[in-house]
Protein backbone atom coordinates (compact mmCIF):
# COMPACT_ATOMS: atom_id res chain seq x y z
CA UNK A 1 34.75 8.43 -4.74
CA UNK A 2 32.68 7.40 -7.74
CA UNK A 3 28.92 7.80 -7.36
CA UNK A 4 26.00 6.07 -9.05
CA UNK A 5 22.41 7.32 -8.76
CA UNK A 6 19.58 4.87 -9.38
CA UNK A 7 16.24 6.49 -10.34
CA UNK A 8 13.51 3.89 -9.74
CA UNK A 9 9.99 4.16 -11.18
CA UNK A 10 6.74 2.20 -11.12
CA UNK A 11 8.14 -0.34 -13.57
CA UNK A 12 10.16 -1.75 -10.68
CA UNK A 13 7.08 -2.43 -8.54
CA UNK A 14 5.22 -3.90 -11.53
CA UNK A 15 8.27 -6.08 -12.23
CA UNK A 16 8.01 -7.51 -8.71
CA UNK A 17 4.36 -8.38 -9.16
CA UNK A 18 2.49 -5.35 -7.79
CA UNK A 19 -0.55 -4.38 -9.94
CA UNK A 20 0.25 -0.67 -9.65
CA UNK A 21 -0.66 0.59 -13.12
CA UNK A 22 -3.22 3.40 -13.24
CA UNK A 23 -5.54 1.16 -15.26
CA UNK A 24 -5.45 -1.48 -12.52
CA UNK A 25 -6.24 1.16 -9.90
CA UNK A 26 -9.23 2.35 -11.96
CA UNK A 27 -10.47 -1.23 -12.25
CA UNK A 28 -10.29 -1.53 -8.45
CA UNK A 29 -12.28 1.69 -8.08
CA UNK A 30 -14.88 0.26 -10.42
CA UNK A 31 -15.13 -2.96 -8.43
CA UNK A 32 -15.34 -1.14 -5.09
CA UNK A 33 -17.92 1.48 -5.97
CA UNK A 34 -20.05 -0.70 -8.23
CA UNK A 35 -20.10 -3.81 -6.07
CA UNK A 36 -19.34 -2.71 -2.50
CA UNK A 37 -21.21 0.56 -2.10
CA UNK A 38 -22.54 -0.46 1.33
CA UNK A 39 -19.10 -1.27 2.69
CA UNK A 40 -18.47 1.07 5.64
CA UNK A 41 -14.87 1.64 4.51
CA UNK A 42 -16.13 3.57 1.45
CA UNK A 43 -19.35 5.09 2.73
CA UNK A 44 -17.91 8.54 3.49
CA UNK A 45 -16.40 8.85 0.03
CA UNK A 46 -19.57 7.72 -1.71
CA UNK A 47 -21.59 10.31 0.20
CA UNK A 48 -19.21 13.02 -1.00
CA UNK A 49 -19.87 12.01 -4.63
CA UNK A 50 -16.32 12.67 -5.80
CA UNK A 51 -16.67 13.54 -9.49
CA UNK A 52 -13.06 12.61 -10.25
CA UNK A 53 -13.51 9.10 -8.85
CA UNK A 54 -16.66 8.69 -10.93
CA UNK A 55 -14.84 9.86 -14.05
CA UNK A 56 -12.04 7.35 -13.56
CA UNK A 57 -14.66 4.62 -13.14
CA UNK A 58 -16.31 5.79 -16.36
CA UNK A 59 -12.94 5.67 -18.13
CA UNK A 60 -12.51 2.05 -17.05
CA UNK A 61 -16.01 1.15 -18.26
CA UNK A 62 -15.39 2.76 -21.65
CA UNK A 63 -12.16 0.82 -22.00
CA UNK A 64 -13.88 -2.43 -21.02
CA UNK A 65 -16.61 -1.79 -23.59
CA UNK A 66 -14.12 -0.73 -26.23
CA UNK A 67 -15.74 2.69 -26.55
CA UNK A 68 -14.29 6.11 -27.23
CA UNK A 69 -15.99 9.29 -26.10
CA UNK A 70 -13.70 12.29 -26.43
CA UNK A 71 -13.36 13.65 -22.91
CA UNK A 72 -14.10 10.46 -20.98
CA UNK A 73 -12.05 8.10 -23.11
CA UNK A 74 -9.68 5.67 -21.43
CA UNK A 75 -6.78 7.31 -23.26
CA UNK A 76 -7.47 10.55 -21.39
CA UNK A 77 -6.56 9.05 -18.02
CA UNK A 78 -3.95 6.50 -19.12
CA UNK A 79 -1.36 8.67 -17.31
CA UNK A 80 -3.18 10.25 -14.39
CA UNK A 81 -0.69 13.04 -13.64
CA UNK A 82 -0.26 14.09 -17.26
CA UNK A 83 -4.00 14.23 -17.77
CA UNK A 84 -4.52 16.01 -14.46
CA UNK A 85 -2.40 18.83 -15.87
CA UNK A 86 -4.39 18.78 -19.13
CA UNK A 87 -7.66 18.95 -17.22
CA UNK A 88 -6.46 21.97 -15.21
CA UNK A 89 -5.59 23.80 -18.43
CA UNK A 90 -9.01 22.95 -19.86
CA UNK A 91 -10.80 24.18 -16.74
CA UNK A 92 -8.73 27.37 -16.70
CA UNK A 93 -10.59 28.51 -19.82
CA UNK A 94 -13.89 28.73 -17.86
CA UNK A 95 -15.15 31.90 -16.18
CA UNK A 96 -15.20 30.16 -12.80
CA UNK A 97 -11.82 28.49 -13.37
CA UNK A 98 -10.51 29.07 -9.84
CA UNK A 99 -13.56 27.43 -8.27
CA UNK A 100 -13.55 24.44 -10.65
CA UNK A 101 -9.83 23.75 -10.26
CA UNK A 102 -10.23 24.18 -6.50
CA UNK A 103 -12.86 21.44 -6.55
CA UNK A 104 -10.51 19.27 -8.60
CA UNK A 105 -7.77 19.71 -6.00
CA UNK A 106 -10.22 18.80 -3.23
CA UNK A 107 -11.18 15.66 -5.15
CA UNK A 108 -7.50 14.84 -5.66
CA UNK A 109 -7.20 14.40 -1.90
CA UNK A 110 -9.55 11.43 -2.10
CA UNK A 111 -7.63 9.93 -5.02
CA UNK A 112 -4.39 10.10 -3.01
CA UNK A 113 -6.07 8.40 -0.04
CA UNK A 114 -7.60 5.70 -2.23
CA UNK A 115 -4.36 5.07 -4.10
CA UNK A 116 -2.56 4.61 -0.77
CA UNK A 117 -5.25 2.24 0.46
CA UNK A 118 -5.18 0.28 -2.81
CA UNK A 119 -1.39 -0.17 -2.89
CA UNK A 120 -1.23 -1.17 0.78
CA UNK A 121 -3.97 -3.70 0.17
CA UNK A 122 -2.29 -5.16 -2.93
CA UNK A 123 1.06 -5.40 -1.14
CA UNK A 124 -0.55 -7.96 1.17
CA UNK A 125 -2.00 -10.08 -1.61
CA UNK A 126 0.78 -10.23 -4.22
CA UNK A 127 3.27 -13.04 -4.18
CA UNK A 128 5.68 -11.87 -1.51
CA UNK A 129 9.22 -11.33 -2.76
CA UNK A 130 11.93 -12.65 -0.51
CA UNK A 131 15.33 -14.33 -0.40
CA UNK A 132 17.10 -11.35 -1.89
CA UNK A 133 20.60 -12.62 -1.32
CA UNK A 134 23.56 -10.27 -1.46
CA UNK A 135 24.62 -12.02 -4.66
CA UNK A 136 21.22 -11.42 -6.27
CA UNK A 137 21.30 -7.72 -5.39
CA UNK A 138 24.86 -7.37 -6.67
CA UNK A 139 23.96 -8.99 -9.99
CA UNK A 140 20.82 -6.85 -10.28
CA UNK A 141 22.51 -3.52 -9.68
CA UNK A 142 25.40 -4.48 -11.97
CA UNK A 143 23.17 -5.67 -14.81
CA UNK A 144 22.68 -2.32 -16.61
CA UNK A 145 26.46 -1.87 -16.87
CA UNK A 146 26.91 -5.56 -17.65
CA UNK A 147 24.55 -5.13 -20.62
CA UNK A 148 26.60 -2.41 -22.29
CA UNK A 149 28.31 -3.17 -25.57
CA UNK A 150 32.11 -3.18 -25.42
CA UNK A 151 32.37 0.23 -27.11
CA UNK A 152 29.90 1.74 -24.64
CA UNK A 153 31.63 0.12 -21.66
CA UNK A 154 35.02 1.40 -22.80
CA UNK A 155 33.62 4.91 -23.10
CA UNK A 156 32.12 4.67 -19.60
CA UNK A 157 35.42 3.50 -18.10
CA UNK A 158 37.27 6.26 -19.92
CA UNK A 159 34.87 8.89 -18.54
CA UNK A 160 35.24 7.55 -14.99
CA UNK A 161 39.04 7.70 -15.29
CA UNK A 162 38.81 11.28 -16.55
CA UNK A 163 36.57 12.23 -13.65
CA UNK A 164 38.85 10.60 -11.09
CA UNK A 165 41.91 12.34 -12.51
CA UNK A 166 40.26 15.75 -12.88
CA UNK A 167 39.04 15.80 -9.27
CA UNK A 168 41.89 13.93 -7.62
CA UNK A 169 39.40 11.64 -5.90
CA UNK A 170 40.55 10.04 -2.70
CA UNK A 171 40.69 6.26 -2.72
CA UNK A 172 37.71 5.53 -0.53
CA UNK A 173 34.40 3.70 -0.70
CA UNK A 174 32.29 4.46 -3.74
CA UNK A 175 28.57 5.08 -3.32
CA UNK A 176 25.25 4.09 -4.89
CA UNK A 177 22.27 6.33 -4.04
CA UNK A 178 18.62 5.50 -4.69
CA UNK A 179 15.82 7.87 -5.69
CA UNK A 180 12.52 5.99 -5.59
CA UNK A 181 9.54 7.65 -7.31
CA UNK A 182 7.23 4.93 -5.94
CA UNK A 183 5.33 5.00 -2.65
CA UNK A 184 5.90 1.38 -1.63
CA UNK A 185 8.66 -0.30 0.45
CA UNK A 186 9.50 -2.88 -2.26
CA UNK A 187 12.88 -1.34 -3.10
CA UNK A 188 13.77 -1.21 0.61
CA UNK A 189 12.86 -4.88 0.92
CA UNK A 190 14.95 -5.77 -2.10
CA UNK A 191 18.06 -4.03 -0.78
CA UNK A 192 17.61 -4.90 2.90
CA UNK A 193 20.18 -7.72 3.01
CA UNK A 194 23.00 -5.85 1.26
CA UNK A 195 25.32 -3.03 2.26
CA UNK A 196 27.77 -2.96 -0.67
CA UNK A 197 28.45 -4.54 -4.05
CA UNK A 198 31.27 -4.91 -6.56
CA UNK A 199 30.53 -4.08 -10.19
CA UNK A 200 33.07 -6.26 -11.95
CA UNK A 201 32.82 -4.47 -15.30
CA UNK A 202 34.30 -1.26 -13.87
CA UNK A 203 36.09 -2.52 -10.74
CA UNK A 204 39.48 -2.66 -12.48
CA UNK A 205 39.44 1.16 -12.52
CA UNK A 206 39.52 1.32 -8.73
CA UNK A 207 42.41 0.56 -6.40
CA UNK A 208 42.49 -2.97 -5.04
CA UNK A 209 41.48 -1.82 -1.54
CA UNK A 210 38.41 0.13 -2.65
CA UNK A 211 36.50 -1.89 -5.22
CA UNK A 212 33.29 -2.01 -3.17
CA UNK A 213 30.45 0.37 -3.86
CA UNK A 214 28.53 1.17 -0.70
CA UNK A 215 24.72 1.17 -0.92
CA UNK A 216 23.28 4.27 0.69
CA UNK A 217 21.21 3.40 3.74
CA UNK A 218 18.77 6.21 2.91
CA UNK A 219 16.37 6.03 -0.02
CA UNK A 220 15.02 9.37 -1.23
CA UNK A 221 11.30 9.56 -2.11
CA UNK A 222 10.52 12.62 -4.30
CA UNK A 223 6.76 11.93 -4.19
CA UNK A 224 6.53 10.62 -0.64
CA UNK A 225 5.82 7.10 0.59
CA UNK A 226 3.43 5.39 2.96
CA UNK A 227 5.23 6.89 5.94
CA UNK A 228 5.08 10.53 4.85
CA UNK A 229 2.01 11.11 2.66
CA UNK A 230 2.19 9.93 -0.98
CA UNK A 231 1.31 12.61 -3.51
CA UNK A 232 -0.09 12.57 -7.03
CA UNK A 233 0.02 15.95 -8.75
CA UNK A 234 1.59 18.12 -11.44
CA UNK A 235 5.26 19.09 -11.62
CA UNK A 236 5.95 22.71 -10.70
CA UNK A 237 4.10 26.02 -10.31
CA UNK A 238 5.22 26.92 -13.84
CA UNK A 239 2.90 24.18 -15.12
CA UNK A 240 -0.15 26.10 -13.88
CA UNK A 241 -1.96 28.38 -16.36
CA UNK A 242 -1.03 32.05 -15.93
CA UNK A 243 -4.64 33.15 -15.49
CA UNK A 244 -5.31 30.70 -12.66
CA UNK A 245 -5.24 32.05 -9.10
CA UNK A 246 -5.31 29.25 -6.55
CA UNK A 247 -4.84 29.66 -2.82
CA UNK A 248 -1.44 28.91 -1.33
CA UNK A 249 -2.80 25.74 0.26
CA UNK A 250 -4.33 24.52 -3.01
CA UNK A 251 -1.09 25.20 -4.88
CA UNK A 252 1.07 23.50 -2.28
CA UNK A 253 -1.13 20.41 -2.38
CA UNK A 254 -1.46 20.21 -6.17
CA UNK A 255 2.14 20.94 -7.21
CA UNK A 256 4.57 18.10 -6.47
CA UNK A 257 7.63 20.33 -6.09
CA UNK A 258 5.77 22.68 -3.73
CA UNK A 259 4.38 19.73 -1.76
CA UNK A 260 7.87 18.22 -1.43
CA UNK A 261 9.29 21.55 -0.21
CA UNK A 262 6.32 21.93 2.17
CA UNK A 263 7.63 18.88 4.04
CA UNK A 264 10.57 21.13 5.02
CA UNK A 265 13.03 18.23 5.17
CA UNK A 266 15.26 19.36 2.29
CA UNK A 267 14.49 16.39 0.05
CA UNK A 268 14.24 18.40 -3.17
CA UNK A 269 17.69 19.91 -2.60
CA UNK A 270 19.15 16.54 -1.58
CA UNK A 271 17.74 14.73 -4.60
CA UNK A 272 18.98 17.34 -7.06
CA UNK A 273 22.41 17.21 -5.41
CA UNK A 274 22.53 13.41 -5.71
CA UNK A 275 21.74 13.68 -9.43
CA UNK A 276 24.23 16.49 -10.02
CA UNK A 277 27.07 14.71 -8.20
CA UNK A 278 26.51 11.27 -9.74
CA UNK A 279 29.04 10.01 -12.27
CA UNK A 280 26.61 7.39 -13.55
CA UNK A 281 22.82 7.75 -13.53
CA UNK A 282 20.68 4.67 -14.10
CA UNK A 283 16.92 4.88 -14.74
CA UNK A 284 14.83 1.77 -14.19
CA UNK A 285 11.08 1.61 -14.75
CA UNK A 286 10.58 5.38 -14.73
CA UNK A 287 7.94 6.54 -17.23
CA UNK A 288 9.68 9.90 -17.80
CA UNK A 289 6.40 11.77 -17.35
CA UNK A 290 6.34 15.57 -17.30
CA UNK A 291 5.35 15.72 -13.64
CA UNK A 292 8.89 14.54 -12.77
CA UNK A 293 10.68 16.95 -15.13
CA UNK A 294 12.22 18.86 -12.22
CA UNK A 295 14.49 15.88 -11.63
CA UNK A 296 14.74 14.55 -15.19
CA UNK A 297 15.86 17.97 -16.45
CA UNK A 298 18.48 18.04 -13.68
CA UNK A 299 19.95 14.90 -15.25
CA UNK A 300 20.21 16.67 -18.60
CA UNK A 301 21.66 19.85 -17.08
CA UNK A 302 24.31 17.86 -15.25
CA UNK A 303 25.14 15.95 -18.44
CA UNK A 304 25.73 19.27 -20.17
CA UNK A 305 27.91 20.64 -17.39
CA UNK A 306 29.90 17.46 -16.77
CA UNK A 307 31.41 15.89 -19.92
CA UNK A 308 32.34 12.77 -17.93
CA UNK A 309 28.80 11.92 -16.84
CA UNK A 310 27.07 8.80 -18.20
CA UNK A 311 23.37 7.89 -18.25
CA UNK A 312 21.72 4.49 -18.73
CA UNK A 313 17.95 4.33 -19.23
CA UNK A 314 16.15 0.99 -18.99
CA UNK A 315 12.63 1.14 -20.40
CA UNK A 316 9.87 -1.41 -20.77
CA UNK A 317 9.13 -2.58 -24.29
CA UNK A 318 6.98 -5.74 -24.59
CA UNK A 319 8.22 -6.41 -28.14
CA UNK A 320 11.92 -6.16 -27.46
CA UNK A 321 14.09 -9.13 -28.33
CA UNK A 322 17.90 -8.73 -28.22
CA UNK A 323 18.26 -10.80 -31.38
CA UNK A 324 15.68 -8.82 -33.35
CA UNK A 325 16.35 -5.07 -33.41
CA UNK A 326 13.70 -3.42 -35.56
CA UNK A 327 13.21 0.14 -36.79
CA UNK A 328 10.43 0.50 -34.23
CA UNK A 329 12.90 -0.32 -31.44
CA UNK A 330 15.36 2.21 -32.87
CA UNK A 331 12.60 4.83 -33.00
CA UNK A 332 11.62 4.06 -29.40
CA UNK A 333 15.21 4.61 -28.34
CA UNK A 334 15.36 7.92 -30.20
CA UNK A 335 12.05 9.05 -28.70
CA UNK A 336 13.32 8.36 -25.18
CA UNK A 337 16.41 10.48 -25.74
CA UNK A 338 14.29 13.30 -27.17
CA UNK A 339 12.02 13.06 -24.13
CA UNK A 340 15.01 13.75 -21.88
CA UNK A 341 15.91 16.84 -23.89
CA UNK A 342 12.26 17.99 -23.84
CA UNK A 343 12.34 17.92 -20.03
CA UNK A 344 15.21 20.39 -20.09
CA UNK A 345 13.34 22.83 -22.34
CA UNK A 346 10.16 22.35 -20.33
CA UNK A 347 11.85 23.36 -17.08
CA UNK A 348 13.71 26.25 -18.72
CA UNK A 349 10.53 27.65 -20.32
CA UNK A 350 12.08 27.65 -23.76
CA UNK A 351 9.75 28.81 -26.55
CA UNK A 352 12.33 29.32 -29.23
CA UNK A 353 11.28 28.95 -32.86
CA UNK A 354 14.51 27.04 -33.43
CA UNK A 355 13.86 24.53 -30.65
CA UNK A 356 13.90 21.52 -33.01
CA UNK A 357 17.32 22.48 -34.29
CA UNK A 358 18.57 23.13 -30.77
CA UNK A 359 17.20 19.78 -29.58
CA UNK A 360 18.98 17.92 -32.36
CA UNK A 361 22.24 19.75 -31.65
CA UNK A 362 22.00 18.99 -27.94
CA UNK A 363 21.17 15.36 -28.59
CA UNK A 364 24.08 15.03 -31.00
CA UNK A 365 26.35 16.41 -28.27
CA UNK A 366 25.02 14.07 -25.57
CA UNK A 367 24.07 11.05 -27.65
CA UNK A 368 27.03 8.79 -26.88
CA UNK A 369 26.60 9.36 -23.13
CA UNK A 370 22.89 8.44 -23.05
CA UNK A 371 22.41 4.70 -23.44
CA UNK A 372 18.93 3.20 -23.76
CA UNK A 373 18.38 -0.45 -22.85
CA UNK A 374 15.10 -2.35 -22.92
CA UNK A 375 13.39 -4.81 -20.60
CA UNK A 376 10.47 -6.74 -22.07
CA UNK A 377 9.35 -7.82 -18.62
CA UNK A 378 8.81 -11.42 -19.57
CA UNK A 379 9.42 -14.22 -17.12
CA UNK A 380 10.98 -17.22 -18.92
CA UNK A 381 9.16 -20.40 -17.86
CA UNK A 382 7.36 -18.29 -15.24
CA UNK A 383 10.57 -18.39 -13.23
CA UNK A 384 11.23 -14.98 -11.70
CA UNK A 385 14.80 -15.98 -10.81
CA UNK A 386 15.63 -15.92 -14.55
CA UNK A 387 14.45 -12.36 -15.15
CA UNK A 388 17.12 -10.19 -16.74
CA UNK A 389 16.69 -7.25 -14.35
CA UNK A 390 16.00 -7.61 -10.62
CA UNK A 391 15.29 -11.35 -10.44
CA UNK A 392 13.62 -12.62 -7.29
CA UNK A 393 12.10 -15.66 -5.65
CA UNK A 394 8.39 -15.89 -5.00
CA UNK A 395 6.73 -17.18 -1.90
CA UNK A 396 2.94 -17.02 -1.75
CA UNK A 397 1.97 -15.73 1.67
CA UNK A 398 -1.34 -17.15 2.87
CA UNK A 399 -1.74 -15.19 6.08
CA UNK A 400 -5.07 -13.53 6.76
CA UNK A 401 -5.37 -9.98 5.54
CA UNK A 402 -5.46 -7.27 8.18
CA UNK A 403 -8.26 -4.75 8.31
CA UNK A 404 -7.40 -1.30 6.99
CA UNK A 405 -9.17 2.04 7.05
CA UNK A 406 -9.13 5.09 4.82
CA UNK A 407 -8.53 8.53 6.23
CA UNK A 408 -9.88 10.95 3.63
CA UNK A 409 -10.49 13.91 5.91
């Protein structure tokens, strides 16, 4: 059995029309709390005077006005989870660090509730995506492999053959697993009409009776979804400053790994196992932020331990054109590969003085098995069915919006 693991990030939801960037969320906060203060849905939160909400609103205003102001600049909160970690380290230098970070964690609860409310609301108003035929899904999931150059594809096929021979795989259905770092059901909707696909570019490796790759009927959500509490936070307990002493509850809520384990459903173990056992790993739309290094570093570790493993990373680059490869594009590709290696050192607490040399040596060893592809996200002629990755049809739904409430405790 050959296994593929798809790691799906926010770029996927954005690609399907959901305004789920942090900057768009901050703009919504600004609109809500500047223009709808008397709305009963937000009254409780306004009375609590959440400083973090107000700071995000300020960041949006500064961006709108084109201003920069050190701490409250828009750049500071461009990646919420990365800057949340930075803020915690800044606060840890204060005498009352435990109290201040504790307040930050309490405020984070409101941000999680508001983010959930915002995304649910926007899911009702975006152009609904539908008519995901089995053929569309098959072409979408095959596209990253279809885009490989002949030399890269030949290497991939050679690695798969080696893996099959070394493990004496039984001739049975192959499997595609999905790890969705988003909170929304868009990926579930996209895959709903399909149970298996054939990837023509590698199907000649398999026996004639077992060319299909089964799509797993269970999507794993590292950060939760609307059904089981979405969670913004930092990566692991090791990311907390050594001098900080939070309560167990505060730590379990703030740290994404601890929060995931607190669910007691084994998802962290399952996700790491999926990554470790995959022969091919495909990233799509994942920002590769440090808060997800637990899983990204697992990809690197498994690449090191399995010489037959292959990774394809598809990243957004608005300037990418297949016919015009510039030095900037080459540098972007190199930076992405270095970011993967950095995740490994981050999770292994490496502080070696020779880390640059070690990184280069590791990258040289893994380079041919890490392929970076780009998606510029453009929609030719505004026709979503012509998009390179995950094309879809649009159908504007004009039904009345349902009332929703926020539960912020």
